[in-house]
Amino acid sequence: MSLGSEIVRLRLEKGMRQKDLAAQLGVRQSNMARWENNVARPRPAMLEKIAAALGVELDKLVAAENAERSDSWFQKLDPALVNLLRQAHKLEPRDQEGLKIVLESMLTKAQMHELLGSAPSPKSEKAGRQVRAS
């Protein structure tokens, strides 16, 4: 959930209108609308005022946004890969180290391709598929 959505949710829970919250904070309603629509972000001092006006701790106000940021990268991964990574804690430390080395190597290769503006060769892709199939 975005910061703006969380402000809206908390404001509505309190039964407040946007213009009422804006007045309480001493800002224009247009500023409030920009924050709630994620067009702009309030400064840290204003975030503290918003949290106080909504009766929540500052960390609760921004927690939803932080959770969204930290979880969003999972959505870009293959679900099977995410499942495997979630189970990596079951591996012995030596095997976890090996997994890190393999991942680091693959990421280095991807970064090199990105920097060089090239894609992996079809031959290496085919070889990778043959290894996975066996």
N, C-alpha and C. Protein backbone atom coordinates (compact mmCIF):
# COMPACT_ATOMS: atom_id res chain seq x y z
N MET A 1 0.86 -1.18 0.00
CA MET A 1 0.00 0.00 0.00
C MET A 1 0.89 1.23 0.00
N SER A 2 0.54 2.22 -0.76
CA SER A 2 1.34 3.45 -0.86
C SER A 2 1.08 4.34 0.36
N LEU A 3 1.97 5.30 0.54
CA LEU A 3 1.81 6.25 1.63
C LEU A 3 0.49 7.01 1.48
N GLY A 4 0.20 7.47 0.27
CA GLY A 4 -1.05 8.21 0.04
C GLY A 4 -2.27 7.38 0.37
N SER A 5 -2.27 6.12 -0.03
CA SER A 5 -3.40 5.23 0.26
C SER A 5 -3.56 5.03 1.76
N GLU A 6 -2.44 4.94 2.45
CA GLU A 6 -2.49 4.76 3.92
C GLU A 6 -3.04 6.01 4.59
N ILE A 7 -2.67 7.18 4.11
CA ILE A 7 -3.22 8.43 4.66
C ILE A 7 -4.73 8.46 4.45
N VAL A 8 -5.16 8.12 3.24
CA VAL A 8 -6.60 8.10 2.94
C VAL A 8 -7.32 7.11 3.86
N ARG A 9 -6.76 5.90 3.98
CA ARG A 9 -7.40 4.88 4.80
C ARG A 9 -7.55 5.33 6.25
N LEU A 10 -6.48 5.87 6.81
CA LEU A 10 -6.52 6.32 8.20
C LEU A 10 -7.45 7.52 8.37
N ARG A 11 -7.44 8.42 7.40
CA ARG A 11 -8.32 9.60 7.47
C ARG A 11 -9.77 9.18 7.46
N LEU A 12 -10.11 8.24 6.58
CA LEU A 12 -11.49 7.77 6.50
C LEU A 12 -11.89 7.00 7.76
N GLU A 13 -10.95 6.25 8.33
CA GLU A 13 -11.22 5.55 9.60
C GLU A 13 -11.61 6.53 10.68
N LYS A 14 -11.00 7.71 10.64
CA LYS A 14 -11.29 8.76 11.63
C LYS A 14 -12.54 9.55 11.26
N GLY A 15 -13.11 9.28 10.10
CA GLY A 15 -14.30 10.00 9.66
C GLY A 15 -14.00 11.44 9.24
N MET A 16 -12.79 11.67 8.78
CA MET A 16 -12.38 13.03 8.39
C MET A 16 -12.48 13.21 6.89
N ARG A 17 -12.80 14.43 6.49
CA ARG A 17 -12.75 14.79 5.08
C ARG A 17 -11.35 15.32 4.79
N GLN A 18 -10.99 15.25 3.53
CA GLN A 18 -9.67 15.71 3.11
C GLN A 18 -9.44 17.17 3.52
N LYS A 19 -10.46 18.00 3.30
CA LYS A 19 -10.27 19.42 3.61
C LYS A 19 -10.17 19.65 5.12
N ASP A 20 -10.78 18.79 5.93
CA ASP A 20 -10.67 18.92 7.39
C ASP A 20 -9.25 18.60 7.85
N LEU A 21 -8.69 17.55 7.31
CA LEU A 21 -7.32 17.19 7.67
C LEU A 21 -6.35 18.27 7.20
N ALA A 22 -6.56 18.77 6.00
CA ALA A 22 -5.70 19.83 5.47
C ALA A 22 -5.75 21.06 6.39
N ALA A 23 -6.95 21.43 6.81
CA ALA A 23 -7.10 22.59 7.70
C ALA A 23 -6.39 22.36 9.03
N GLN A 24 -6.53 21.16 9.56
CA GLN A 24 -5.89 20.83 10.84
C GLN A 24 -4.36 20.90 10.72
N LEU A 25 -3.85 20.56 9.55
CA LEU A 25 -2.41 20.59 9.33
C LEU A 25 -1.90 21.96 8.90
N GLY A 26 -2.83 22.85 8.54
CA GLY A 26 -2.44 24.18 8.09
C GLY A 26 -1.90 24.21 6.67
N VAL A 27 -2.42 23.31 5.83
CA VAL A 27 -2.00 23.26 4.42
C VAL A 27 -3.22 23.37 3.52
N ARG A 28 -2.97 23.64 2.26
CA ARG A 28 -4.07 23.69 1.30
C ARG A 28 -4.58 22.28 0.99
N GLN A 29 -5.87 22.21 0.67
CA GLN A 29 -6.44 20.92 0.32
C GLN A 29 -5.75 20.33 -0.92
N SER A 30 -5.31 21.20 -1.82
CA SER A 30 -4.62 20.71 -3.02
C SER A 30 -3.33 19.97 -2.65
N ASN A 31 -2.63 20.44 -1.61
CA ASN A 31 -1.44 19.72 -1.15
C ASN A 31 -1.82 18.35 -0.61
N MET A 32 -2.89 18.34 0.18
CA MET A 32 -3.36 17.08 0.76
C MET A 32 -3.71 16.10 -0.36
N ALA A 33 -4.37 16.58 -1.39
CA ALA A 33 -4.76 15.73 -2.53
C ALA A 33 -3.52 15.18 -3.23
N ARG A 34 -2.51 16.01 -3.38
CA ARG A 34 -1.28 15.56 -4.04
C ARG A 34 -0.59 14.46 -3.24
N TRP A 35 -0.61 14.60 -1.92
CA TRP A 35 0.00 13.58 -1.07
C TRP A 35 -0.80 12.28 -1.13
N GLU A 36 -2.12 12.42 -1.05
CA GLU A 36 -2.97 11.23 -1.05
C GLU A 36 -2.95 10.50 -2.39
N ASN A 37 -2.69 11.23 -3.46
CA ASN A 37 -2.63 10.61 -4.79
C ASN A 37 -1.20 10.25 -5.20
N ASN A 38 -0.27 10.37 -4.26
CA ASN A 38 1.14 10.03 -4.49
C ASN A 38 1.77 10.83 -5.62
N VAL A 39 1.29 12.04 -5.81
CA VAL A 39 1.90 12.94 -6.80
C VAL A 39 3.11 13.62 -6.16
N ALA A 40 3.01 13.87 -4.86
CA ALA A 40 4.09 14.47 -4.10
C ALA A 40 4.18 13.76 -2.75
N ARG A 41 5.29 13.94 -2.09
CA ARG A 41 5.48 13.31 -0.78
C ARG A 41 5.68 14.41 0.26
N PRO A 42 4.97 14.31 1.39
CA PRO A 42 5.16 15.33 2.44
C PRO A 42 6.59 15.27 3.00
N ARG A 43 7.06 16.40 3.44
CA ARG A 43 8.37 16.45 4.09
C ARG A 43 8.29 15.72 5.43
N PRO A 44 9.44 15.30 5.96
CA PRO A 44 9.44 14.54 7.22
C PRO A 44 8.69 15.22 8.37
N ALA A 45 8.85 16.52 8.52
CA ALA A 45 8.16 17.23 9.61
C ALA A 45 6.65 17.18 9.40
N MET A 46 6.20 17.27 8.15
CA MET A 46 4.77 17.21 7.86
C MET A 46 4.25 15.78 8.07
N LEU A 47 5.06 14.79 7.75
CA LEU A 47 4.67 13.40 7.99
C LEU A 47 4.39 13.18 9.48
N GLU A 48 5.21 13.78 10.32
CA GLU A 48 4.99 13.67 11.77
C GLU A 48 3.67 14.32 12.16
N LYS A 49 3.35 15.47 11.57
CA LYS A 49 2.09 16.15 11.86
C LYS A 49 0.90 15.32 11.38
N ILE A 50 1.03 14.74 10.20
CA ILE A 50 -0.05 13.91 9.64
C ILE A 50 -0.30 12.71 10.56
N ALA A 51 0.78 12.05 10.97
CA ALA A 51 0.65 10.90 11.86
C ALA A 51 -0.05 11.30 13.16
N ALA A 52 0.36 12.42 13.73
CA ALA A 52 -0.26 12.89 14.98
C ALA A 52 -1.74 13.21 14.76
N ALA A 53 -2.07 13.86 13.66
CA ALA A 53 -3.46 14.23 13.38
C ALA A 53 -4.32 12.98 13.17
N LEU A 54 -3.72 11.93 12.65
CA LEU A 54 -4.46 10.70 12.41
C LEU A 54 -4.40 9.73 13.59
N GLY A 55 -3.65 10.14 14.62
CA GLY A 55 -3.59 9.34 15.84
C GLY A 55 -2.79 8.05 15.72
N VAL A 56 -1.75 8.08 14.90
CA VAL A 56 -0.89 6.90 14.75
C VAL A 56 0.56 7.31 14.90
N GLU A 57 1.40 6.33 15.18
CA GLU A 57 2.84 6.58 15.22
C GLU A 57 3.34 6.78 13.79
N LEU A 58 4.38 7.56 13.64
CA LEU A 58 4.94 7.83 12.32
C LEU A 58 5.34 6.53 11.62
N ASP A 59 5.97 5.60 12.36
CA ASP A 59 6.41 4.36 11.72
C ASP A 59 5.23 3.53 11.21
N LYS A 60 4.08 3.62 11.86
CA LYS A 60 2.89 2.91 11.37
C LYS A 60 2.39 3.55 10.07
N LEU A 61 2.48 4.87 10.00
CA LEU A 61 2.03 5.57 8.81
C LEU A 61 2.86 5.18 7.58
N VAL A 62 4.17 5.09 7.76
CA VAL A 62 5.04 4.78 6.62
C VAL A 62 5.34 3.29 6.47
N ALA A 63 4.90 2.47 7.41
CA ALA A 63 5.19 1.03 7.36
C ALA A 63 4.64 0.37 6.11
N ALA A 64 3.43 0.72 5.71
CA ALA A 64 2.81 0.10 4.54
C ALA A 64 3.64 0.38 3.30
N GLU A 65 4.11 1.61 3.18
CA GLU A 65 4.93 1.98 2.02
C GLU A 65 6.24 1.22 2.03
N ASN A 66 6.86 1.10 3.21
CA ASN A 66 8.12 0.37 3.30
C ASN A 66 7.93 -1.10 2.99
N ALA A 67 6.83 -1.67 3.44
CA ALA A 67 6.54 -3.08 3.15
C ALA A 67 6.34 -3.27 1.65
N GLU A 68 5.66 -2.34 1.02
CA GLU A 68 5.42 -2.43 -0.42
C GLU A 68 6.74 -2.40 -1.18
N ARG A 69 7.63 -1.53 -0.77
CA ARG A 69 8.93 -1.44 -1.43
C ARG A 69 9.74 -2.72 -1.25
N SER A 70 9.76 -3.25 -0.02
CA SER A 70 10.60 -4.41 0.24
C SER A 70 10.05 -5.67 -0.40
N ASP A 71 8.75 -5.77 -0.61
CA ASP A 71 8.17 -6.98 -1.20
C ASP A 71 8.03 -6.90 -2.71
N SER A 72 8.13 -5.74 -3.30
CA SER A 72 7.84 -5.60 -4.72
C SER A 72 8.79 -6.39 -5.61
N TRP A 73 10.03 -6.59 -5.19
CA TRP A 73 10.97 -7.32 -6.03
C TRP A 73 10.58 -8.78 -6.16
N PHE A 74 9.89 -9.34 -5.15
CA PHE A 74 9.43 -10.72 -5.23
C PHE A 74 8.45 -10.92 -6.38
N GLN A 75 7.66 -9.92 -6.68
CA GLN A 75 6.64 -10.03 -7.72
C GLN A 75 7.26 -10.18 -9.11
N LYS A 76 8.51 -9.80 -9.26
CA LYS A 76 9.18 -9.88 -10.55
C LYS A 76 9.83 -11.24 -10.78
N LEU A 77 9.87 -12.07 -9.75
CA LEU A 77 10.54 -13.36 -9.86
C LEU A 77 9.57 -14.49 -10.16
N ASP A 78 10.09 -15.52 -10.75
CA ASP A 78 9.35 -16.75 -10.98
C ASP A 78 8.93 -17.29 -9.61
N PRO A 79 7.65 -17.61 -9.40
CA PRO A 79 7.19 -18.11 -8.10
C PRO A 79 7.95 -19.35 -7.62
N ALA A 80 8.37 -20.21 -8.53
CA ALA A 80 9.13 -21.39 -8.13
C ALA A 80 10.49 -20.98 -7.55
N LEU A 81 11.11 -19.96 -8.13
CA LEU A 81 12.39 -19.47 -7.62
C LEU A 81 12.21 -18.86 -6.23
N VAL A 82 11.15 -18.09 -6.05
CA VAL A 82 10.86 -17.49 -4.74
C VAL A 82 10.69 -18.60 -3.71
N ASN A 83 9.97 -19.65 -4.07
CA ASN A 83 9.76 -20.77 -3.15
C ASN A 83 11.08 -21.44 -2.78
N LEU A 84 11.95 -21.62 -3.76
CA LEU A 84 13.26 -22.21 -3.47
C LEU A 84 14.09 -21.31 -2.55
N LEU A 85 14.07 -20.01 -2.81
CA LEU A 85 14.84 -19.09 -1.97
C LEU A 85 14.31 -19.07 -0.54
N ARG A 86 13.00 -19.20 -0.40
CA ARG A 86 12.41 -19.23 0.95
C ARG A 86 12.85 -20.46 1.73
N GLN A 87 13.22 -21.51 1.02
CA GLN A 87 13.63 -22.75 1.68
C GLN A 87 15.14 -22.85 1.86
N ALA A 88 15.88 -21.88 1.38
CA ALA A 88 17.34 -21.92 1.43
C ALA A 88 17.87 -22.02 2.86
N HIS A 89 17.11 -21.57 3.83
CA HIS A 89 17.57 -21.64 5.22
C HIS A 89 17.74 -23.09 5.70
N LYS A 90 17.12 -24.04 4.98
CA LYS A 90 17.23 -25.46 5.35
C LYS A 90 18.58 -26.06 4.93
N LEU A 91 19.30 -25.36 4.06
CA LEU A 91 20.58 -25.85 3.58
C LEU A 91 21.65 -25.71 4.66
N GLU A 92 22.65 -26.57 4.56
CA GLU A 92 23.79 -26.46 5.46
C GLU A 92 24.56 -25.19 5.08
N PRO A 93 25.28 -24.59 6.03
CA PRO A 93 26.02 -23.35 5.74
C PRO A 93 26.92 -23.44 4.51
N ARG A 94 27.58 -24.57 4.34
CA ARG A 94 28.47 -24.74 3.18
C ARG A 94 27.67 -24.68 1.88
N ASP A 95 26.50 -25.30 1.86
CA ASP A 95 25.66 -25.28 0.67
C ASP A 95 25.07 -23.89 0.42
N GLN A 96 24.76 -23.17 1.50
CA GLN A 96 24.28 -21.79 1.35
C GLN A 96 25.37 -20.93 0.71
N GLU A 97 26.61 -21.13 1.12
CA GLU A 97 27.74 -20.40 0.52
C GLU A 97 27.85 -20.71 -0.96
N GLY A 98 27.71 -21.98 -1.31
CA GLY A 98 27.77 -22.38 -2.71
C GLY A 98 26.67 -21.73 -3.52
N LEU A 99 25.47 -21.68 -2.96
CA LEU A 99 24.34 -21.03 -3.64
C LEU A 99 24.62 -19.55 -3.87
N LYS A 100 25.19 -18.90 -2.86
CA LYS A 100 25.53 -17.47 -3.01
C LYS A 100 26.54 -17.27 -4.13
N ILE A 101 27.52 -18.15 -4.20
CA ILE A 101 28.55 -18.02 -5.24
C ILE A 101 27.93 -18.18 -6.63
N VAL A 102 27.05 -19.16 -6.78
CA VAL A 102 26.39 -19.38 -8.07
C VAL A 102 25.56 -18.16 -8.44
N LEU A 103 24.76 -17.66 -7.51
CA LEU A 103 23.91 -16.49 -7.80
C LEU A 103 24.76 -15.27 -8.13
N GLU A 104 25.82 -15.04 -7.35
CA GLU A 104 26.70 -13.89 -7.63
C GLU A 104 27.31 -13.99 -9.02
N SER A 105 27.72 -15.20 -9.41
CA SER A 105 28.31 -15.40 -10.74
C SER A 105 27.30 -15.09 -11.83
N MET A 106 26.09 -15.59 -11.67
CA MET A 106 25.05 -15.35 -12.67
C MET A 106 24.71 -13.88 -12.76
N LEU A 107 24.64 -13.20 -11.61
CA LEU A 107 24.33 -11.77 -11.61
C LEU A 107 25.46 -10.96 -12.24
N THR A 108 26.70 -11.36 -11.98
CA THR A 108 27.84 -10.69 -12.61
C THR A 108 27.76 -10.82 -14.13
N LYS A 109 27.43 -12.03 -14.59
CA LYS A 109 27.28 -12.27 -16.02
C LYS A 109 26.17 -11.38 -16.60
N ALA A 110 25.04 -11.29 -15.91
CA ALA A 110 23.93 -10.46 -16.38
C ALA A 110 24.33 -8.98 -16.43
N GLN A 111 25.10 -8.53 -15.42
CA GLN A 111 25.56 -7.15 -15.40
C GLN A 111 26.51 -6.87 -16.56
N MET A 112 27.37 -7.83 -16.86
CA MET A 112 28.30 -7.66 -17.98
C MET A 112 27.53 -7.54 -19.29
N HIS A 113 26.53 -8.39 -19.48
CA HIS A 113 25.71 -8.31 -20.70
C HIS A 113 25.01 -6.96 -20.78
N GLU A 114 24.54 -6.51 -19.64
CA GLU A 114 23.84 -5.22 -19.60
C GLU A 114 24.79 -4.07 -19.96
N LEU A 115 25.99 -4.10 -19.38
CA LEU A 115 26.97 -3.05 -19.65
C LEU A 115 27.44 -3.06 -21.10
N LEU A 116 27.58 -4.25 -21.65
CA LEU A 116 28.05 -4.37 -23.03
C LEU A 116 26.93 -4.22 -24.04
N GLY A 117 25.70 -4.20 -23.54
CA GLY A 117 24.56 -4.06 -24.44
C GLY A 117 24.35 -5.28 -25.30
N SER A 118 24.74 -6.42 -24.77
CA SER A 118 24.58 -7.66 -25.53
C SER A 118 23.70 -8.63 -24.78
N ALA A 119 23.16 -9.56 -25.51
CA ALA A 119 22.34 -10.61 -24.92
C ALA A 119 23.14 -11.90 -24.92
N PRO A 120 22.79 -12.84 -24.05
CA PRO A 120 23.48 -14.13 -24.08
C PRO A 120 23.31 -14.78 -25.45
N SER A 121 24.33 -15.50 -25.88
CA SER A 121 24.26 -16.13 -27.20
C SER A 121 23.24 -17.27 -27.18
N PRO A 122 22.57 -17.51 -28.32
CA PRO A 122 21.60 -18.61 -28.39
C PRO A 122 22.22 -19.95 -28.03
N LYS A 123 23.51 -20.14 -28.38
CA LYS A 123 24.19 -21.39 -28.07
C LYS A 123 24.26 -21.61 -26.56
N SER A 124 24.62 -20.56 -25.78
CA SER A 124 24.71 -20.71 -24.33
C SER A 124 23.34 -20.90 -23.72
N GLU A 125 22.31 -20.28 -24.29
CA GLU A 125 20.94 -20.47 -23.81
C GLU A 125 20.51 -21.92 -24.01
N LYS A 126 20.85 -22.48 -25.20
CA LYS A 126 20.47 -23.85 -25.51
C LYS A 126 21.17 -24.81 -24.55
N ALA A 127 22.44 -24.56 -24.29
CA ALA A 127 23.20 -25.41 -23.37
C ALA A 127 22.60 -25.37 -21.97
N GLY A 128 22.16 -24.18 -21.55
CA GLY A 128 21.54 -24.04 -20.23
C GLY A 128 20.27 -24.84 -20.12
N ARG A 129 19.48 -24.84 -21.22
CA ARG A 129 18.22 -25.61 -21.21
C ARG A 129 18.50 -27.10 -21.15
N GLN A 130 19.56 -27.55 -21.84
CA GLN A 130 19.90 -28.98 -21.83
C GLN A 130 20.34 -29.42 -20.44
N VAL A 131 21.08 -28.58 -19.75
CA VAL A 131 21.53 -28.91 -18.40
C VAL A 131 20.33 -29.03 -17.47
N ARG A 132 19.38 -28.09 -17.58
CA ARG A 132 18.21 -28.11 -16.71
C ARG A 132 17.32 -29.31 -17.00
N ALA A 133 17.29 -29.75 -18.26
CA ALA A 133 16.40 -30.86 -18.64
C ALA A 133 16.91 -32.17 -18.09
N SER A 134 18.21 -32.30 -17.88
CA SER A 134 18.75 -33.59 -17.43
C SER A 134 18.72 -33.77 -15.95
